[in-house]
Amino acid sequence: MNPTEFIRKNIISELEKLGYQGGVLDFAADQGLDHYRRCSQATRRGGMFDDCLRVAKLWAEKYGQKPSAGTKKKAKASRQVSMF
């Protein structure tokens, strides 16, 4: 597996964990790979994938459909018993 395959595969898996779906994943991964090809060095040592993921995540937030917050159960309002 070469570096571009590694970056693409892991960007897609990380964005899926965040709740993004469909074509947004491919386009965001392409933007991350484009950043990898254009960038000459990472912002910190060993952080090239983190930089590419950040670019892909920003693109997905801007152009993709927001991930659903999910269904959260609301807690029942408890009745407080009077002490007197």
PDB file of N, CA and C in Angstrom:
ATOM      1  N   MET A   1       0.854  -1.167   0.000  1.00  0.00           N
ATOM      2  CA  MET A   1       0.000   0.000   0.000  1.00  0.00           C
ATOM      3  C   MET A   1       0.905   1.238   0.000  1.00  0.00           C
ATOM      4  N   ASN A   2       0.718   2.075  -0.987  1.00  0.00           N
ATOM      5  CA  ASN A   2       1.525   3.286  -1.061  1.00  0.00           C
ATOM      6  C   ASN A   2       0.875   4.397  -0.220  1.00  0.00           C
ATOM      7  N   PRO A   3       1.575   5.506  -0.004  1.00  0.00           N
ATOM      8  CA  PRO A   3       1.046   6.557   0.876  1.00  0.00           C
ATOM      9  C   PRO A   3      -0.298   7.133   0.434  1.00  0.00           C
ATOM     10  N   THR A   4      -0.525   7.269  -0.871  1.00  0.00           N
ATOM     11  CA  THR A   4      -1.798   7.846  -1.305  1.00  0.00           C
ATOM     12  C   THR A   4      -2.963   6.902  -1.012  1.00  0.00           C
ATOM     13  N   GLU A   5      -2.750   5.602  -1.188  1.00  0.00           N
ATOM     14  CA  GLU A   5      -3.803   4.639  -0.857  1.00  0.00           C
ATOM     15  C   GLU A   5      -4.087   4.638   0.642  1.00  0.00           C
ATOM     16  N   PHE A   6      -3.020   4.722   1.441  1.00  0.00           N
ATOM     17  CA  PHE A   6      -3.175   4.766   2.895  1.00  0.00           C
ATOM     18  C   PHE A   6      -3.979   5.988   3.328  1.00  0.00           C
ATOM     19  N   ILE A   7      -3.632   7.147   2.799  1.00  0.00           N
ATOM     20  CA  ILE A   7      -4.317   8.386   3.177  1.00  0.00           C
ATOM     21  C   ILE A   7      -5.771   8.334   2.753  1.00  0.00           C
ATOM     22  N   ARG A   8      -6.033   7.917   1.531  1.00  0.00           N
ATOM     23  CA  ARG A   8      -7.413   7.865   1.035  1.00  0.00           C
ATOM     24  C   ARG A   8      -8.272   6.910   1.865  1.00  0.00           C
ATOM     25  N   LYS A   9      -7.759   5.710   2.110  1.00  0.00           N
ATOM     26  CA  LYS A   9      -8.514   4.702   2.856  1.00  0.00           C
ATOM     27  C   LYS A   9      -8.820   5.180   4.274  1.00  0.00           C
ATOM     28  N   ASN A  10      -7.832   5.750   4.936  1.00  0.00           N
ATOM     29  CA  ASN A  10      -8.022   6.150   6.324  1.00  0.00           C
ATOM     30  C   ASN A  10      -8.844   7.429   6.463  1.00  0.00           C
ATOM     31  N   ILE A  11      -8.785   8.327   5.493  1.00  0.00           N
ATOM     32  CA  ILE A  11      -9.653   9.508   5.527  1.00  0.00           C
ATOM     33  C   ILE A  11     -11.107   9.069   5.417  1.00  0.00           C
ATOM     34  N   ILE A  12     -11.380   8.153   4.499  1.00  0.00           N
ATOM     35  CA  ILE A  12     -12.756   7.667   4.331  1.00  0.00           C
ATOM     36  C   ILE A  12     -13.248   6.987   5.605  1.00  0.00           C
ATOM     37  N   SER A  13     -12.406   6.169   6.228  1.00  0.00           N
ATOM     38  CA  SER A  13     -12.844   5.475   7.445  1.00  0.00           C
ATOM     39  C   SER A  13     -13.062   6.450   8.601  1.00  0.00           C
ATOM     40  N   GLU A  14     -12.218   7.471   8.723  1.00  0.00           N
ATOM     41  CA  GLU A  14     -12.390   8.452   9.803  1.00  0.00           C
ATOM     42  C   GLU A  14     -13.653   9.284   9.605  1.00  0.00           C
ATOM     43  N   LEU A  15     -13.941   9.667   8.367  1.00  0.00           N
ATOM     44  CA  LEU A  15     -15.149  10.448   8.113  1.00  0.00           C
ATOM     45  C   LEU A  15     -16.407   9.605   8.302  1.00  0.00           C
ATOM     46  N   GLU A  16     -16.326   8.308   8.010  1.00  0.00           N
ATOM     47  CA  GLU A  16     -17.468   7.427   8.275  1.00  0.00           C
ATOM     48  C   GLU A  16     -17.742   7.344   9.770  1.00  0.00           C
ATOM     49  N   LYS A  17     -16.677   7.324  10.572  1.00  0.00           N
ATOM     50  CA  LYS A  17     -16.844   7.303  12.027  1.00  0.00           C
ATOM     51  C   LYS A  17     -17.542   8.572  12.517  1.00  0.00           C
ATOM     52  N   LEU A  18     -17.302   9.681  11.814  1.00  0.00           N
ATOM     53  CA  LEU A  18     -17.922  10.952  12.200  1.00  0.00           C
ATOM     54  C   LEU A  18     -19.359  11.071  11.707  1.00  0.00           C
ATOM     55  N   GLY A  19     -19.793  10.155  10.847  1.00  0.00           N
ATOM     56  CA  GLY A  19     -21.182  10.135  10.421  1.00  0.00           C
ATOM     57  C   GLY A  19     -21.444  10.624   9.011  1.00  0.00           C
ATOM     58  N   TYR A  20     -20.415  10.935   8.256  1.00  0.00           N
ATOM     59  CA  TYR A  20     -20.620  11.363   6.875  1.00  0.00           C
ATOM     60  C   TYR A  20     -20.881  10.140   6.008  1.00  0.00           C
ATOM     61  N   GLN A  21     -21.668  10.343   4.931  1.00  0.00           N
ATOM     62  CA  GLN A  21     -22.045   9.224   4.072  1.00  0.00           C
ATOM     63  C   GLN A  21     -21.962   9.624   2.610  1.00  0.00           C
ATOM     64  N   GLY A  22     -21.955   8.610   1.749  1.00  0.00           N
ATOM     65  CA  GLY A  22     -22.114   8.811   0.318  1.00  0.00           C
ATOM     66  C   GLY A  22     -20.914   9.408  -0.387  1.00  0.00           C
ATOM     67  N   GLY A  23     -21.229  10.220  -1.405  1.00  0.00           N
ATOM     68  CA  GLY A  23     -20.210  10.798  -2.262  1.00  0.00           C
ATOM     69  C   GLY A  23     -19.333  11.820  -1.573  1.00  0.00           C
ATOM     70  N   VAL A  24     -19.792  12.333  -0.446  1.00  0.00           N
ATOM     71  CA  VAL A  24     -18.996  13.311   0.302  1.00  0.00           C
ATOM     72  C   VAL A  24     -17.674  12.689   0.717  1.00  0.00           C
ATOM     73  N   LEU A  25     -17.697  11.409   1.037  1.00  0.00           N
ATOM     74  CA  LEU A  25     -16.479  10.733   1.475  1.00  0.00           C
ATOM     75  C   LEU A  25     -15.422  10.727   0.376  1.00  0.00           C
ATOM     76  N   ASP A  26     -15.836  10.411  -0.845  1.00  0.00           N
ATOM     77  CA  ASP A  26     -14.884  10.360  -1.956  1.00  0.00           C
ATOM     78  C   ASP A  26     -14.325  11.737  -2.286  1.00  0.00           C
ATOM     79  N   PHE A  27     -15.206  12.737  -2.329  1.00  0.00           N
ATOM     80  CA  PHE A  27     -14.735  14.081  -2.654  1.00  0.00           C
ATOM     81  C   PHE A  27     -13.823  14.629  -1.557  1.00  0.00           C
ATOM     82  N   ALA A  28     -14.160  14.381  -0.309  1.00  0.00           N
ATOM     83  CA  ALA A  28     -13.320  14.848   0.791  1.00  0.00           C
ATOM     84  C   ALA A  28     -11.971  14.132   0.773  1.00  0.00           C
ATOM     85  N   ALA A  29     -11.974  12.832   0.478  1.00  0.00           N
ATOM     86  CA  ALA A  29     -10.717  12.088   0.385  1.00  0.00           C
ATOM     87  C   ALA A  29      -9.866  12.627  -0.758  1.00  0.00           C
ATOM     88  N   ASP A  30     -10.496  12.995  -1.868  1.00  0.00           N
ATOM     89  CA  ASP A  30      -9.755  13.590  -2.983  1.00  0.00           C
ATOM     90  C   ASP A  30      -9.130  14.921  -2.578  1.00  0.00           C
ATOM     91  N   GLN A  31      -9.845  15.710  -1.797  1.00  0.00           N
ATOM     92  CA  GLN A  31      -9.292  16.982  -1.332  1.00  0.00           C
ATOM     93  C   GLN A  31      -8.110  16.744  -0.390  1.00  0.00           C
ATOM     94  N   GLY A  32      -8.215  15.735   0.467  1.00  0.00           N
ATOM     95  CA  GLY A  32      -7.097  15.387   1.344  1.00  0.00           C
ATOM     96  C   GLY A  32      -5.881  14.926   0.561  1.00  0.00           C
ATOM     97  N   LEU A  33      -6.104  14.120  -0.480  1.00  0.00           N
ATOM     98  CA  LEU A  33      -4.994  13.675  -1.328  1.00  0.00           C
ATOM     99  C   LEU A  33      -4.386  14.831  -2.108  1.00  0.00           C
ATOM    100  N   ASP A  34      -5.221  15.743  -2.548  1.00  0.00           N
ATOM    101  CA  ASP A  34      -4.725  16.919  -3.254  1.00  0.00           C
ATOM    102  C   ASP A  34      -3.817  17.737  -2.337  1.00  0.00           C
ATOM    103  N   HIS A  35      -4.207  17.857  -1.079  1.00  0.00           N
ATOM    104  CA  HIS A  35      -3.362  18.565  -0.109  1.00  0.00           C
ATOM    105  C   HIS A  35      -2.033  17.825   0.066  1.00  0.00           C
ATOM    106  N   TYR A  36      -2.067  16.496   0.120  1.00  0.00           N
ATOM    107  CA  TYR A  36      -0.847  15.700   0.264  1.00  0.00           C
ATOM    108  C   TYR A  36       0.100  15.930  -0.911  1.00  0.00           C
ATOM    109  N   ARG A  37      -0.452  15.994  -2.106  1.00  0.00           N
ATOM    110  CA  ARG A  37       0.382  16.164  -3.300  1.00  0.00           C
ATOM    111  C   ARG A  37       0.971  17.567  -3.398  1.00  0.00           C
ATOM    112  N   ARG A  38       0.238  18.565  -2.904  1.00  0.00           N
ATOM    113  CA  ARG A  38       0.700  19.948  -3.016  1.00  0.00           C
ATOM    114  C   ARG A  38       1.613  20.365  -1.870  1.00  0.00           C
ATOM    115  N   CYS A  39       1.469  19.722  -0.725  1.00  0.00           N
ATOM    116  CA  CYS A  39       2.185  20.148   0.474  1.00  0.00           C
ATOM    117  C   CYS A  39       3.615  19.603   0.458  1.00  0.00           C
ATOM    118  N   SER A  40       4.555  20.447   0.815  1.00  0.00           N
ATOM    119  CA  SER A  40       5.942  20.007   0.815  1.00  0.00           C
ATOM    120  C   SER A  40       6.364  19.437   2.165  1.00  0.00           C
ATOM    121  N   GLN A  41       5.706  19.870   3.235  1.00  0.00           N
ATOM    122  CA  GLN A  41       6.030  19.337   4.555  1.00  0.00           C
ATOM    123  C   GLN A  41       4.827  19.471   5.479  1.00  0.00           C
ATOM    124  N   ALA A  42       4.818  18.666   6.519  1.00  0.00           N
ATOM    125  CA  ALA A  42       3.709  18.673   7.474  1.00  0.00           C
ATOM    126  C   ALA A  42       3.887  19.811   8.473  1.00  0.00           C
ATOM    127  N   THR A  43       2.815  20.127   9.181  1.00  0.00           N
ATOM    128  CA  THR A  43       2.896  21.187  10.180  1.00  0.00           C
ATOM    129  C   THR A  43       3.692  20.750  11.398  1.00  0.00           C
ATOM    130  N   ARG A  44       3.734  19.448  11.646  1.00  0.00           N
ATOM    131  CA  ARG A  44       4.564  18.923  12.725  1.00  0.00           C
ATOM    132  C   ARG A  44       5.112  17.565  12.298  1.00  0.00           C
ATOM    133  N   ARG A  45       6.083  17.083  13.002  1.00  0.00           N
ATOM    134  CA  ARG A  45       6.734  15.834  12.619  1.00  0.00           C
ATOM    135  C   ARG A  45       5.746  14.671  12.688  1.00  0.00           C
ATOM    136  N   GLY A  46       5.637  13.930  11.601  1.00  0.00           N
ATOM    137  CA  GLY A  46       4.753  12.778  11.540  1.00  0.00           C
ATOM    138  C   GLY A  46       3.282  13.134  11.454  1.00  0.00           C
ATOM    139  N   GLY A  47       2.974  14.357  11.053  1.00  0.00           N
ATOM    140  CA  GLY A  47       1.592  14.794  11.052  1.00  0.00           C
ATOM    141  C   GLY A  47       0.992  15.034   9.685  1.00  0.00           C
ATOM    142  N   MET A  48       1.546  14.452   8.649  1.00  0.00           N
ATOM    143  CA  MET A  48       1.016  14.680   7.306  1.00  0.00           C
ATOM    144  C   MET A  48      -0.403  14.138   7.177  1.00  0.00           C
ATOM    145  N   PHE A  49      -0.662  12.942   7.721  1.00  0.00           N
ATOM    146  CA  PHE A  49      -2.018  12.400   7.642  1.00  0.00           C
ATOM    147  C   PHE A  49      -2.993  13.289   8.403  1.00  0.00           C
ATOM    148  N   ASP A  50      -2.588  13.796   9.550  1.00  0.00           N
ATOM    149  CA  ASP A  50      -3.463  14.682  10.325  1.00  0.00           C
ATOM    150  C   ASP A  50      -3.807  15.938   9.537  1.00  0.00           C
ATOM    151  N   ASP A  51      -2.838  16.475   8.822  1.00  0.00           N
ATOM    152  CA  ASP A  51      -3.097  17.661   7.997  1.00  0.00           C
ATOM    153  C   ASP A  51      -4.073  17.338   6.867  1.00  0.00           C
ATOM    154  N   CYS A  52      -3.871  16.200   6.226  1.00  0.00           N
ATOM    155  CA  CYS A  52      -4.768  15.799   5.133  1.00  0.00           C
ATOM    156  C   CYS A  52      -6.174  15.529   5.652  1.00  0.00           C
ATOM    157  N   LEU A  53      -6.283  14.912   6.820  1.00  0.00           N
ATOM    158  CA  LEU A  53      -7.588  14.645   7.418  1.00  0.00           C
ATOM    159  C   LEU A  53      -8.287  15.947   7.783  1.00  0.00           C
ATOM    160  N   ARG A  54      -7.538  16.914   8.283  1.00  0.00           N
ATOM    161  CA  ARG A  54      -8.122  18.209   8.631  1.00  0.00           C
ATOM    162  C   ARG A  54      -8.701  18.885   7.399  1.00  0.00           C
ATOM    163  N   VAL A  55      -7.977  18.860   6.294  1.00  0.00           N
ATOM    164  CA  VAL A  55      -8.461  19.464   5.052  1.00  0.00           C
ATOM    165  C   VAL A  55      -9.713  18.738   4.567  1.00  0.00           C
ATOM    166  N   ALA A  56      -9.694  17.415   4.611  1.00  0.00           N
ATOM    167  CA  ALA A  56     -10.852  16.632   4.166  1.00  0.00           C
ATOM    168  C   ALA A  56     -12.063  16.888   5.053  1.00  0.00           C
ATOM    169  N   LYS A  57     -11.841  16.990   6.358  1.00  0.00           N
ATOM    170  CA  LYS A  57     -12.941  17.224   7.289  1.00  0.00           C
ATOM    171  C   LYS A  57     -13.544  18.611   7.078  1.00  0.00           C
ATOM    172  N   LEU A  58     -12.703  19.606   6.852  1.00  0.00           N
ATOM    173  CA  LEU A  58     -13.204  20.953   6.573  1.00  0.00           C
ATOM    174  C   LEU A  58     -14.018  20.975   5.288  1.00  0.00           C
ATOM    175  N   TRP A  59     -13.551  20.270   4.270  1.00  0.00           N
ATOM    176  CA  TRP A  59     -14.292  20.224   3.008  1.00  0.00           C
ATOM    177  C   TRP A  59     -15.631  19.530   3.205  1.00  0.00           C
ATOM    178  N   ALA A  60     -15.646  18.434   3.959  1.00  0.00           N
ATOM    179  CA  ALA A  60     -16.890  17.693   4.195  1.00  0.00           C
ATOM    180  C   ALA A  60     -17.882  18.534   4.992  1.00  0.00           C
ATOM    181  N   GLU A  61     -17.395  19.301   5.956  1.00  0.00           N
ATOM    182  CA  GLU A  61     -18.283  20.164   6.738  1.00  0.00           C
ATOM    183  C   GLU A  61     -18.878  21.264   5.880  1.00  0.00           C
ATOM    184  N   LYS A  62     -18.074  21.789   4.966  1.00  0.00           N
ATOM    185  CA  LYS A  62     -18.526  22.919   4.158  1.00  0.00           C
ATOM    186  C   LYS A  62     -19.480  22.485   3.050  1.00  0.00           C
ATOM    187  N   TYR A  63     -19.168  21.417   2.338  1.00  0.00           N
ATOM    188  CA  TYR A  63     -19.928  21.034   1.156  1.00  0.00           C
ATOM    189  C   TYR A  63     -20.819  19.814   1.350  1.00  0.00           C
ATOM    190  N   GLY A  64     -20.583  19.047   2.378  1.00  0.00           N
ATOM    191  CA  GLY A  64     -21.357  17.830   2.576  1.00  0.00           C
ATOM    192  C   GLY A  64     -22.557  18.045   3.467  1.00  0.00           C
ATOM    193  N   GLN A  65     -23.361  17.014   3.543  1.00  0.00           N
ATOM    194  CA  GLN A  65     -24.514  17.058   4.421  1.00  0.00           C
ATOM    195  C   GLN A  65     -24.029  16.801   5.843  1.00  0.00           C
ATOM    196  N   LYS A  66     -24.519  17.585   6.753  1.00  0.00           N
ATOM    197  CA  LYS A  66     -24.084  17.454   8.135  1.00  0.00           C
ATOM    198  C   LYS A  66     -24.515  16.098   8.684  1.00  0.00           C
ATOM    199  N   PRO A  67     -23.645  15.460   9.467  1.00  0.00           N
ATOM    200  CA  PRO A  67     -24.050  14.182  10.049  1.00  0.00           C
ATOM    201  C   PRO A  67     -25.173  14.395  11.047  1.00  0.00           C
ATOM    202  N   SER A  68     -26.090  13.439  11.082  1.00  0.00           N
ATOM    203  CA  SER A  68     -27.218  13.577  11.995  1.00  0.00           C
ATOM    204  C   SER A  68     -26.736  13.411  13.430  1.00  0.00           C
ATOM    205  N   ALA A  69     -27.386  14.141  14.315  1.00  0.00           N
ATOM    206  CA  ALA A  69     -26.998  14.097  15.718  1.00  0.00           C
ATOM    207  C   ALA A  69     -27.416  12.783  16.361  1.00  0.00           C
ATOM    208  N   GLY A  70     -28.317  12.063  15.715  1.00  0.00           N
ATOM    209  CA  GLY A  70     -28.785  10.795  16.262  1.00  0.00           C
ATOM    210  C   GLY A  70     -30.010  11.018  17.120  1.00  0.00           C
ATOM    211  N   THR A  71     -30.590   9.946  17.527  1.00  0.00           N
ATOM    212  CA  THR A  71     -31.771  10.055  18.372  1.00  0.00           C
ATOM    213  C   THR A  71     -31.342   9.869  19.814  1.00  0.00           C
ATOM    214  N   LYS A  72     -31.511  10.895  20.566  1.00  0.00           N
ATOM    215  CA  LYS A  72     -31.170  10.832  21.977  1.00  0.00           C
ATOM    216  C   LYS A  72     -32.456  10.719  22.781  1.00  0.00           C
ATOM    217  N   LYS A  73     -32.409   9.889  23.769  1.00  0.00           N
ATOM    218  CA  LYS A  73     -33.572   9.746  24.629  1.00  0.00           C
ATOM    219  C   LYS A  73     -33.560  10.877  25.645  1.00  0.00           C
ATOM    220  N   LYS A  74     -34.698  11.502  25.789  1.00  0.00           N
ATOM    221  CA  LYS A  74     -34.804  12.555  26.783  1.00  0.00           C
ATOM    222  C   LYS A  74     -35.117  11.922  28.133  1.00  0.00           C
ATOM    223  N   ALA A  75     -34.477  12.426  29.129  1.00  0.00           N
ATOM    224  CA  ALA A  75     -34.716  11.917  30.472  1.00  0.00           C
ATOM    225  C   ALA A  75     -36.072  12.395  30.962  1.00  0.00           C
ATOM    226  N   LYS A  76     -36.733  11.524  31.679  1.00  0.00           N
ATOM    227  CA  LYS A  76     -38.030  11.896  32.224  1.00  0.00           C
ATOM    228  C   LYS A  76     -37.825  12.890  33.360  1.00  0.00           C
ATOM    229  N   ALA A  77     -38.701  13.858  33.403  1.00  0.00           N
ATOM    230  CA  ALA A  77     -38.632  14.825  34.489  1.00  0.00           C
ATOM    231  C   ALA A  77     -39.099  14.135  35.760  1.00  0.00           C
ATOM    232  N   SER A  78     -38.244  14.112  36.736  1.00  0.00           N
ATOM    233  CA  SER A  78     -38.609  13.442  37.985  1.00  0.00           C
ATOM    234  C   SER A  78     -39.310  14.426  38.908  1.00  0.00           C
ATOM    235  N   ARG A  79     -40.268  13.903  39.610  1.00  0.00           N
ATOM    236  CA  ARG A  79     -40.986  14.737  40.566  1.00  0.00           C
ATOM    237  C   ARG A  79     -40.244  14.689  41.886  1.00  0.00           C
ATOM    238  N   GLN A  80     -39.925  15.853  42.359  1.00  0.00           N
ATOM    239  CA  GLN A  80     -39.207  15.920  43.614  1.00  0.00           C
ATOM    240  C   GLN A  80     -40.211  15.826  44.756  1.00  0.00           C
ATOM    241  N   VAL A  81     -39.950  14.944  45.654  1.00  0.00           N
ATOM    242  CA  VAL A  81     -40.839  14.745  46.791  1.00  0.00           C
ATOM    243  C   VAL A  81     -40.515  15.790  47.841  1.00  0.00           C
ATOM    244  N   SER A  82     -41.549  16.385  48.367  1.00  0.00           N
ATOM    245  CA  SER A  82     -41.379  17.420  49.385  1.00  0.00           C
ATOM    246  C   SER A  82     -40.876  16.803  50.683  1.00  0.00           C
ATOM    247  N   MET A  83     -40.044  17.532  51.357  1.00  0.00           N
ATOM    248  CA  MET A  83     -39.516  17.043  52.622  1.00  0.00           C
ATOM    249  C   MET A  83     -40.495  17.272  53.768  1.00  0.00           C
ATOM    250  N   PHE A  84     -41.455  18.143  53.579  1.00  0.00           N
ATOM    251  CA  PHE A  84     -42.381  18.462  54.676  1.00  0.00           C
ATOM    252  C   PHE A  84     -43.750  17.962  54.399  1.00  0.00           C
TER     253      PHE A  84
END
